[in-house]
């Protein structure tokens, strides 16, 4: 089988089953592949024989195209529903994402405030505790044993 016969059978098998742009891309690809392999020293007949039956190749390309369309459609449908499920999963039963974001920010602000106040008050509390302990020791020294 010649290169032209192979490409013609492939075109006929693909025509009308996948978009014309895809048909043209596949034909250009296989034409370039045959030319490249011919430059490497293989005959056109060997390359065409290696590629196999153009109708079987077309059937495989059509199935791959259908799978790609199906996967793209599923991915597109998944993207529509993802934000809702993502918001509901993270913020409970809230249906409005802005309310959820506002509540989450308010919680984060309160948490930061408590951490900041705690970091500032901790040294003061520790100093007061140490002063209290020293005063207690002084009390015990001077007044503790007076019975």
N, C-alpha and C. Protein backbone atom coordinates (compact mmCIF):
# COMPACT_ATOMS: atom_id res chain seq x y z
N UNK A 1 0.85 -1.17 0.00
CA UNK A 1 0.00 0.00 0.00
C UNK A 1 0.90 1.23 0.00
N UNK A 2 0.53 2.21 -0.79
CA UNK A 2 1.32 3.44 -0.86
C UNK A 2 0.88 4.40 0.25
N UNK A 3 1.69 5.44 0.38
CA UNK A 3 1.37 6.45 1.37
C UNK A 3 0.03 7.11 1.06
N UNK A 4 -0.22 7.43 -0.20
CA UNK A 4 -1.45 8.09 -0.59
C UNK A 4 -2.66 7.21 -0.33
N UNK A 5 -2.53 5.91 -0.62
CA UNK A 5 -3.64 4.99 -0.37
C UNK A 5 -3.93 4.88 1.13
N UNK A 6 -2.86 4.79 1.92
CA UNK A 6 -3.03 4.71 3.36
C UNK A 6 -3.76 5.95 3.90
N UNK A 7 -3.29 7.12 3.50
CA UNK A 7 -3.88 8.36 3.97
C UNK A 7 -5.32 8.52 3.48
N UNK A 8 -5.59 8.08 2.25
CA UNK A 8 -6.95 8.18 1.71
C UNK A 8 -7.91 7.28 2.49
N UNK A 9 -7.48 6.05 2.79
CA UNK A 9 -8.35 5.15 3.57
C UNK A 9 -8.56 5.69 4.99
N UNK A 10 -7.50 6.26 5.56
CA UNK A 10 -7.63 6.84 6.90
C UNK A 10 -8.60 8.01 6.88
N UNK A 11 -8.51 8.86 5.84
CA UNK A 11 -9.41 10.00 5.71
C UNK A 11 -10.86 9.53 5.60
N UNK A 12 -11.11 8.55 4.77
CA UNK A 12 -12.47 8.04 4.57
C UNK A 12 -13.02 7.45 5.87
N UNK A 13 -12.17 6.74 6.61
CA UNK A 13 -12.63 6.10 7.84
C UNK A 13 -12.91 7.13 8.94
N UNK A 14 -12.18 8.26 8.92
CA UNK A 14 -12.36 9.28 9.96
C UNK A 14 -13.43 10.31 9.61
N UNK A 15 -13.64 10.53 8.33
CA UNK A 15 -14.53 11.60 7.86
C UNK A 15 -15.93 11.46 8.46
N UNK A 16 -16.42 12.53 9.07
CA UNK A 16 -17.78 12.56 9.60
C UNK A 16 -17.92 11.95 10.98
N UNK A 17 -16.88 11.33 11.49
CA UNK A 17 -16.97 10.70 12.81
C UNK A 17 -16.29 11.52 13.91
N UNK A 18 -15.35 12.35 13.50
CA UNK A 18 -14.71 13.28 14.43
C UNK A 18 -14.64 14.63 13.71
N UNK A 19 -14.41 15.71 14.41
CA UNK A 19 -14.37 17.02 13.77
C UNK A 19 -13.31 17.07 12.65
N UNK A 20 -13.60 17.85 11.63
CA UNK A 20 -12.71 17.93 10.47
C UNK A 20 -11.31 18.40 10.86
N UNK A 21 -11.22 19.29 11.82
CA UNK A 21 -9.91 19.76 12.26
C UNK A 21 -9.09 18.60 12.81
N UNK A 22 -9.74 17.71 13.54
CA UNK A 22 -9.03 16.54 14.08
C UNK A 22 -8.61 15.59 12.95
N UNK A 23 -9.47 15.41 11.96
CA UNK A 23 -9.14 14.57 10.81
C UNK A 23 -7.88 15.11 10.14
N UNK A 24 -7.86 16.42 9.89
CA UNK A 24 -6.70 17.03 9.23
C UNK A 24 -5.44 16.88 10.07
N UNK A 25 -5.55 17.05 11.39
CA UNK A 25 -4.39 16.89 12.26
C UNK A 25 -3.83 15.47 12.19
N UNK A 26 -4.72 14.48 12.23
CA UNK A 26 -4.26 13.09 12.17
C UNK A 26 -3.61 12.79 10.82
N UNK A 27 -4.21 13.26 9.76
CA UNK A 27 -3.63 13.02 8.43
C UNK A 27 -2.25 13.66 8.31
N UNK A 28 -2.13 14.89 8.78
CA UNK A 28 -0.81 15.55 8.74
C UNK A 28 0.20 14.81 9.60
N UNK A 29 -0.22 14.35 10.76
CA UNK A 29 0.69 13.63 11.64
C UNK A 29 1.21 12.35 10.96
N UNK A 30 0.30 11.55 10.40
CA UNK A 30 0.72 10.28 9.80
C UNK A 30 1.51 10.49 8.52
N UNK A 31 1.19 11.53 7.79
CA UNK A 31 1.99 11.85 6.61
C UNK A 31 3.42 12.22 7.01
N UNK A 32 3.55 13.06 8.03
CA UNK A 32 4.87 13.44 8.53
C UNK A 32 5.60 12.24 9.10
N UNK A 33 4.88 11.37 9.79
CA UNK A 33 5.50 10.17 10.38
C UNK A 33 6.07 9.28 9.28
N UNK A 34 5.29 9.05 8.22
CA UNK A 34 5.75 8.21 7.12
C UNK A 34 6.98 8.83 6.46
N UNK A 35 6.96 10.14 6.24
CA UNK A 35 8.11 10.82 5.63
C UNK A 35 9.35 10.71 6.53
N UNK A 36 9.17 10.92 7.83
CA UNK A 36 10.30 10.86 8.76
C UNK A 36 10.91 9.46 8.80
N UNK A 37 10.06 8.45 8.86
CA UNK A 37 10.57 7.07 8.88
C UNK A 37 11.25 6.72 7.55
N UNK A 38 10.75 7.29 6.46
CA UNK A 38 11.38 7.06 5.15
C UNK A 38 12.78 7.66 5.11
N UNK A 39 12.94 8.82 5.72
CA UNK A 39 14.26 9.46 5.79
C UNK A 39 15.24 8.65 6.63
N UNK A 40 14.72 7.89 7.56
CA UNK A 40 15.58 7.06 8.42
C UNK A 40 16.02 5.78 7.72
N UNK A 41 15.51 5.53 6.51
CA UNK A 41 15.96 4.38 5.75
C UNK A 41 14.93 3.29 5.54
N UNK A 42 13.77 3.40 6.16
CA UNK A 42 12.73 2.41 5.95
C UNK A 42 11.95 2.76 4.68
N UNK A 43 11.43 1.76 4.03
CA UNK A 43 10.61 2.02 2.84
C UNK A 43 9.21 2.43 3.28
N UNK A 44 8.51 3.09 2.38
CA UNK A 44 7.14 3.52 2.67
C UNK A 44 6.28 2.29 2.95
N UNK A 45 6.49 1.23 2.22
CA UNK A 45 5.73 0.00 2.44
C UNK A 45 5.95 -0.57 3.83
N UNK A 46 7.20 -0.53 4.32
CA UNK A 46 7.49 -1.03 5.66
C UNK A 46 6.79 -0.17 6.73
N UNK A 47 6.82 1.14 6.53
CA UNK A 47 6.21 2.05 7.50
C UNK A 47 4.70 1.84 7.52
N UNK A 48 4.08 1.75 6.36
CA UNK A 48 2.63 1.57 6.27
C UNK A 48 2.25 0.21 6.86
N UNK A 49 3.06 -0.81 6.61
CA UNK A 49 2.79 -2.12 7.19
C UNK A 49 2.91 -2.07 8.72
N UNK A 50 3.89 -1.32 9.23
CA UNK A 50 4.06 -1.16 10.67
C UNK A 50 2.85 -0.46 11.30
N UNK A 51 2.31 0.54 10.61
CA UNK A 51 1.15 1.27 11.12
C UNK A 51 -0.10 0.40 11.13
N UNK A 52 -0.20 -0.54 10.24
CA UNK A 52 -1.34 -1.45 10.22
C UNK A 52 -2.48 -0.94 9.36
N UNK A 53 -3.63 -1.56 9.57
CA UNK A 53 -4.83 -1.24 8.80
C UNK A 53 -5.32 0.16 9.15
N UNK A 54 -5.47 1.04 8.15
CA UNK A 54 -5.92 2.40 8.43
C UNK A 54 -7.32 2.47 9.04
N UNK A 55 -8.19 1.50 8.71
CA UNK A 55 -9.53 1.50 9.30
C UNK A 55 -9.49 1.17 10.78
N UNK A 56 -8.61 0.24 11.18
CA UNK A 56 -8.46 -0.07 12.59
C UNK A 56 -7.83 1.11 13.34
N UNK A 57 -6.87 1.75 12.71
CA UNK A 57 -6.26 2.95 13.29
C UNK A 57 -7.31 4.04 13.46
N UNK A 58 -8.16 4.21 12.46
CA UNK A 58 -9.22 5.22 12.53
C UNK A 58 -10.19 4.90 13.66
N UNK A 59 -10.53 3.63 13.80
CA UNK A 59 -11.44 3.24 14.88
C UNK A 59 -10.84 3.60 16.24
N UNK A 60 -9.55 3.35 16.40
CA UNK A 60 -8.87 3.69 17.66
C UNK A 60 -8.87 5.19 17.88
N UNK A 61 -8.58 5.96 16.84
CA UNK A 61 -8.56 7.42 16.97
C UNK A 61 -9.93 7.98 17.31
N UNK A 62 -10.97 7.39 16.74
CA UNK A 62 -12.35 7.83 17.03
C UNK A 62 -12.69 7.54 18.49
N UNK A 63 -12.33 6.36 18.97
CA UNK A 63 -12.60 6.01 20.37
C UNK A 63 -11.85 6.93 21.33
N UNK A 64 -10.60 7.24 21.00
CA UNK A 64 -9.82 8.15 21.84
C UNK A 64 -10.47 9.53 21.85
N UNK A 65 -10.93 9.99 20.69
CA UNK A 65 -11.60 11.29 20.60
C UNK A 65 -12.86 11.31 21.45
N UNK A 66 -13.66 10.23 21.40
CA UNK A 66 -14.89 10.16 22.20
C UNK A 66 -14.55 10.17 23.69
N UNK A 67 -13.51 9.42 24.08
CA UNK A 67 -13.11 9.40 25.49
C UNK A 67 -12.64 10.78 25.94
N UNK A 68 -11.90 11.49 25.10
CA UNK A 68 -11.44 12.83 25.45
C UNK A 68 -12.61 13.79 25.62
N UNK A 69 -13.59 13.70 24.73
CA UNK A 69 -14.78 14.55 24.84
C UNK A 69 -15.54 14.24 26.11
N UNK A 70 -15.68 12.95 26.43
CA UNK A 70 -16.39 12.55 27.64
C UNK A 70 -15.65 13.03 28.89
N UNK A 71 -14.33 12.86 28.92
CA UNK A 71 -13.54 13.30 30.08
C UNK A 71 -13.60 14.82 30.22
N UNK A 72 -13.54 15.54 29.11
CA UNK A 72 -13.63 17.00 29.19
C UNK A 72 -14.99 17.44 29.70
N UNK A 73 -16.04 16.76 29.25
CA UNK A 73 -17.39 17.10 29.72
C UNK A 73 -17.52 16.82 31.22
N UNK A 74 -16.99 15.69 31.67
CA UNK A 74 -17.06 15.37 33.09
C UNK A 74 -16.26 16.37 33.91
N UNK A 75 -15.10 16.76 33.41
CA UNK A 75 -14.28 17.73 34.13
C UNK A 75 -14.99 19.08 34.20
N UNK A 76 -15.64 19.47 33.11
CA UNK A 76 -16.36 20.74 33.08
C UNK A 76 -17.53 20.72 34.05
N UNK A 77 -18.28 19.61 34.06
CA UNK A 77 -19.40 19.49 34.98
C UNK A 77 -18.91 19.49 36.42
N UNK A 78 -17.79 18.84 36.67
CA UNK A 78 -17.24 18.81 38.02
C UNK A 78 -16.83 20.18 38.50
N UNK A 79 -16.33 21.02 37.59
CA UNK A 79 -15.91 22.37 37.97
C UNK A 79 -17.10 23.22 38.38
N UNK A 80 -18.28 22.97 37.78
CA UNK A 80 -19.46 23.75 38.14
C UNK A 80 -19.86 23.49 39.58
N UNK A 81 -19.77 22.25 40.03
CA UNK A 81 -20.25 21.90 41.34
C UNK A 81 -19.18 22.01 42.41
N UNK A 82 -17.93 22.08 42.03
CA UNK A 82 -16.85 22.06 43.01
C UNK A 82 -16.92 23.20 44.02
N UNK A 83 -17.12 24.47 43.62
CA UNK A 83 -17.10 25.52 44.63
C UNK A 83 -18.18 25.36 45.69
N UNK A 84 -19.37 24.94 45.31
CA UNK A 84 -20.43 24.77 46.30
C UNK A 84 -20.07 23.68 47.29
N UNK A 85 -19.66 22.52 46.79
CA UNK A 85 -19.35 21.43 47.70
C UNK A 85 -18.13 21.78 48.54
N UNK A 86 -17.18 22.50 47.97
CA UNK A 86 -15.99 22.87 48.72
C UNK A 86 -16.37 23.80 49.87
N UNK A 87 -17.23 24.80 49.60
CA UNK A 87 -17.63 25.73 50.65
C UNK A 87 -18.44 25.03 51.72
N UNK A 88 -19.36 24.19 51.31
CA UNK A 88 -20.20 23.50 52.29
C UNK A 88 -19.37 22.55 53.13
N UNK A 89 -18.37 21.94 52.52
CA UNK A 89 -17.53 21.02 53.27
C UNK A 89 -16.69 21.72 54.31
N UNK A 90 -16.20 22.90 54.00
CA UNK A 90 -15.30 23.59 54.92
C UNK A 90 -16.03 24.40 55.97
N UNK A 91 -17.17 24.94 55.64
CA UNK A 91 -17.84 25.85 56.56
C UNK A 91 -19.21 25.34 57.00
N UNK A 92 -19.39 24.06 56.97
CA UNK A 92 -20.62 23.48 57.49
C UNK A 92 -21.81 23.67 56.58
N UNK A 93 -22.94 24.06 57.15
CA UNK A 93 -24.18 24.10 56.41
C UNK A 93 -24.49 25.46 55.81
N UNK A 94 -23.53 26.38 55.85
CA UNK A 94 -23.78 27.70 55.30
C UNK A 94 -23.94 27.60 53.80
N UNK A 95 -24.94 28.27 53.27
CA UNK A 95 -25.18 28.23 51.84
C UNK A 95 -24.60 29.43 51.13
N UNK A 96 -24.25 30.45 51.89
CA UNK A 96 -23.70 31.66 51.28
C UNK A 96 -22.22 31.74 51.61
N UNK A 97 -21.36 31.66 50.61
CA UNK A 97 -19.92 31.66 50.86
C UNK A 97 -19.43 32.95 51.51
N UNK A 98 -20.04 34.11 51.21
CA UNK A 98 -19.58 35.36 51.81
C UNK A 98 -19.80 35.36 53.31
N UNK A 99 -20.93 34.85 53.76
CA UNK A 99 -21.19 34.74 55.19
C UNK A 99 -20.18 33.80 55.84
N UNK A 100 -19.89 32.72 55.17
CA UNK A 100 -18.93 31.77 55.69
C UNK A 100 -17.55 32.41 55.80
N UNK A 101 -17.16 33.15 54.79
CA UNK A 101 -15.86 33.81 54.81
C UNK A 101 -15.81 34.84 55.93
N UNK A 102 -16.89 35.60 56.10
CA UNK A 102 -16.93 36.61 57.15
C UNK A 102 -16.81 35.95 58.53
N UNK A 103 -17.51 34.86 58.73
CA UNK A 103 -17.43 34.16 60.02
C UNK A 103 -16.04 33.59 60.26
N UNK A 104 -15.44 33.04 59.22
CA UNK A 104 -14.09 32.50 59.35
C UNK A 104 -13.09 33.60 59.66
N UNK A 105 -13.22 34.76 59.02
CA UNK A 105 -12.32 35.87 59.29
C UNK A 105 -12.52 36.41 60.71
N UNK A 106 -13.76 36.47 61.17
CA UNK A 106 -14.02 36.93 62.53
C UNK A 106 -13.41 35.97 63.55
N UNK A 107 -13.54 34.70 63.30
CA UNK A 107 -12.94 33.70 64.19
C UNK A 107 -11.42 33.83 64.20
N UNK A 108 -10.82 34.00 63.02
CA UNK A 108 -9.36 34.15 62.93
C UNK A 108 -8.91 35.42 63.66
N UNK A 109 -9.67 36.49 63.54
CA UNK A 109 -9.33 37.75 64.21
C UNK A 109 -9.39 37.58 65.73
N UNK A 110 -10.44 36.94 66.23
CA UNK A 110 -10.54 36.71 67.67
C UNK A 110 -9.42 35.82 68.18
N UNK A 111 -9.10 34.80 67.42
CA UNK A 111 -8.00 33.92 67.80
C UNK A 111 -6.68 34.68 67.86
N UNK A 112 -6.43 35.51 66.85
CA UNK A 112 -5.21 36.31 66.83
C UNK A 112 -5.17 37.29 68.00
N UNK A 113 -6.32 37.86 68.33
CA UNK A 113 -6.41 38.79 69.45
C UNK A 113 -6.08 38.09 70.77
N UNK A 114 -6.66 36.91 70.98
CA UNK A 114 -6.37 36.17 72.20
C UNK A 114 -4.91 35.76 72.28
N UNK A 115 -4.35 35.34 71.17
CA UNK A 115 -2.94 34.95 71.17
C UNK A 115 -2.06 36.16 71.47
N UNK A 116 -2.37 37.29 70.87
CA UNK A 116 -1.58 38.51 71.10
C UNK A 116 -1.69 38.97 72.55
N UNK A 117 -2.90 39.01 73.07
CA UNK A 117 -3.10 39.42 74.46
C UNK A 117 -2.42 38.43 75.39
N UNK A 118 -2.54 37.15 75.08
CA UNK A 118 -1.89 36.13 75.89
C UNK A 118 -0.39 36.28 75.88
N UNK A 119 0.18 36.60 74.73
CA UNK A 119 1.63 36.78 74.64
C UNK A 119 2.07 38.00 75.43
N UNK A 120 1.24 39.02 75.48
CA UNK A 120 1.58 40.22 76.24
C UNK A 120 1.36 40.03 77.74
N UNK A 121 0.31 39.32 78.10
CA UNK A 121 0.00 39.13 79.52
C UNK A 121 0.84 38.06 80.19
N UNK A 122 1.32 37.09 79.44
CA UNK A 122 2.08 36.01 80.04
C UNK A 122 3.30 36.50 80.81
N UNK A 123 4.14 37.39 80.26
CA UNK A 123 5.27 37.89 81.05
C UNK A 123 4.83 38.64 82.31
N UNK A 124 3.71 39.41 82.20
CA UNK A 124 3.21 40.12 83.37
C UNK A 124 2.75 39.16 84.46
N UNK A 125 2.05 38.12 84.07
CA UNK A 125 1.57 37.14 85.03
C UNK A 125 2.75 36.41 85.67
N UNK A 126 3.76 36.09 84.85
CA UNK A 126 4.94 35.41 85.39
C UNK A 126 5.68 36.31 86.38
N UNK A 127 5.83 37.59 86.05
CA UNK A 127 6.49 38.54 86.96
C UNK A 127 5.71 38.68 88.26
N UNK A 128 4.39 38.77 88.13
CA UNK A 128 3.57 38.88 89.35
C UNK A 128 3.72 37.62 90.19
N UNK A 129 3.77 36.47 89.57
CA UNK A 129 3.95 35.22 90.30
C UNK A 129 5.29 35.17 91.01
N UNK A 130 6.34 35.62 90.32
CA UNK A 130 7.67 35.63 90.94
C UNK A 130 7.73 36.62 92.11
N UNK A 131 7.13 37.78 91.91
CA UNK A 131 7.10 38.77 93.00
C UNK A 131 6.32 38.21 94.19
N UNK A 132 5.20 37.58 93.91
CA UNK A 132 4.42 36.96 94.97
C UNK A 132 5.21 35.87 95.69
N UNK A 133 5.95 35.06 94.94
CA UNK A 133 6.76 34.02 95.57
C UNK A 133 7.86 34.62 96.44
N UNK A 134 8.50 35.69 95.97
CA UNK A 134 9.55 36.34 96.76
C UNK A 134 8.96 36.95 98.04
N UNK A 135 7.79 37.59 97.91
CA UNK A 135 7.16 38.16 99.09
C UNK A 135 6.80 37.08 100.10
N UNK A 136 6.36 35.92 99.60
CA UNK A 136 6.01 34.81 100.48
C UNK A 136 7.24 34.30 101.22
N UNK A 137 8.37 34.19 100.49
CA UNK A 137 9.62 33.76 101.13
C UNK A 137 10.05 34.78 102.18
N UNK A 138 9.97 36.04 101.87
CA UNK A 138 10.32 37.10 102.84
C UNK A 138 9.40 37.02 104.05
N UNK A 139 8.12 36.81 103.83
CA UNK A 139 7.16 36.68 104.93
C UNK A 139 7.55 35.50 105.82
N UNK A 140 7.89 34.37 105.17
CA UNK A 140 8.27 33.21 105.98
C UNK A 140 9.53 33.46 106.78
N UNK A 141 10.48 34.16 106.19
CA UNK A 141 11.72 34.44 106.90
C UNK A 141 11.48 35.33 108.10
N UNK A 142 10.77 36.39 107.91
CA UNK A 142 10.62 37.37 108.98
C UNK A 142 9.43 37.09 109.91
N UNK A 143 8.34 36.58 109.40
CA UNK A 143 7.14 36.45 110.22
C UNK A 143 6.65 35.01 110.37
N UNK A 144 7.21 34.08 109.65
CA UNK A 144 6.67 32.72 109.62
C UNK A 144 6.94 31.94 110.88
N UNK A 145 8.03 32.13 111.56
CA UNK A 145 8.38 31.32 112.71
C UNK A 145 8.10 32.00 114.04
N UNK A 146 7.19 32.87 114.12
CA UNK A 146 6.89 33.63 115.34
C UNK A 146 5.75 32.97 116.09
N UNK A 147 5.95 31.88 116.71
CA UNK A 147 4.90 31.27 117.50
C UNK A 147 5.19 31.40 118.94
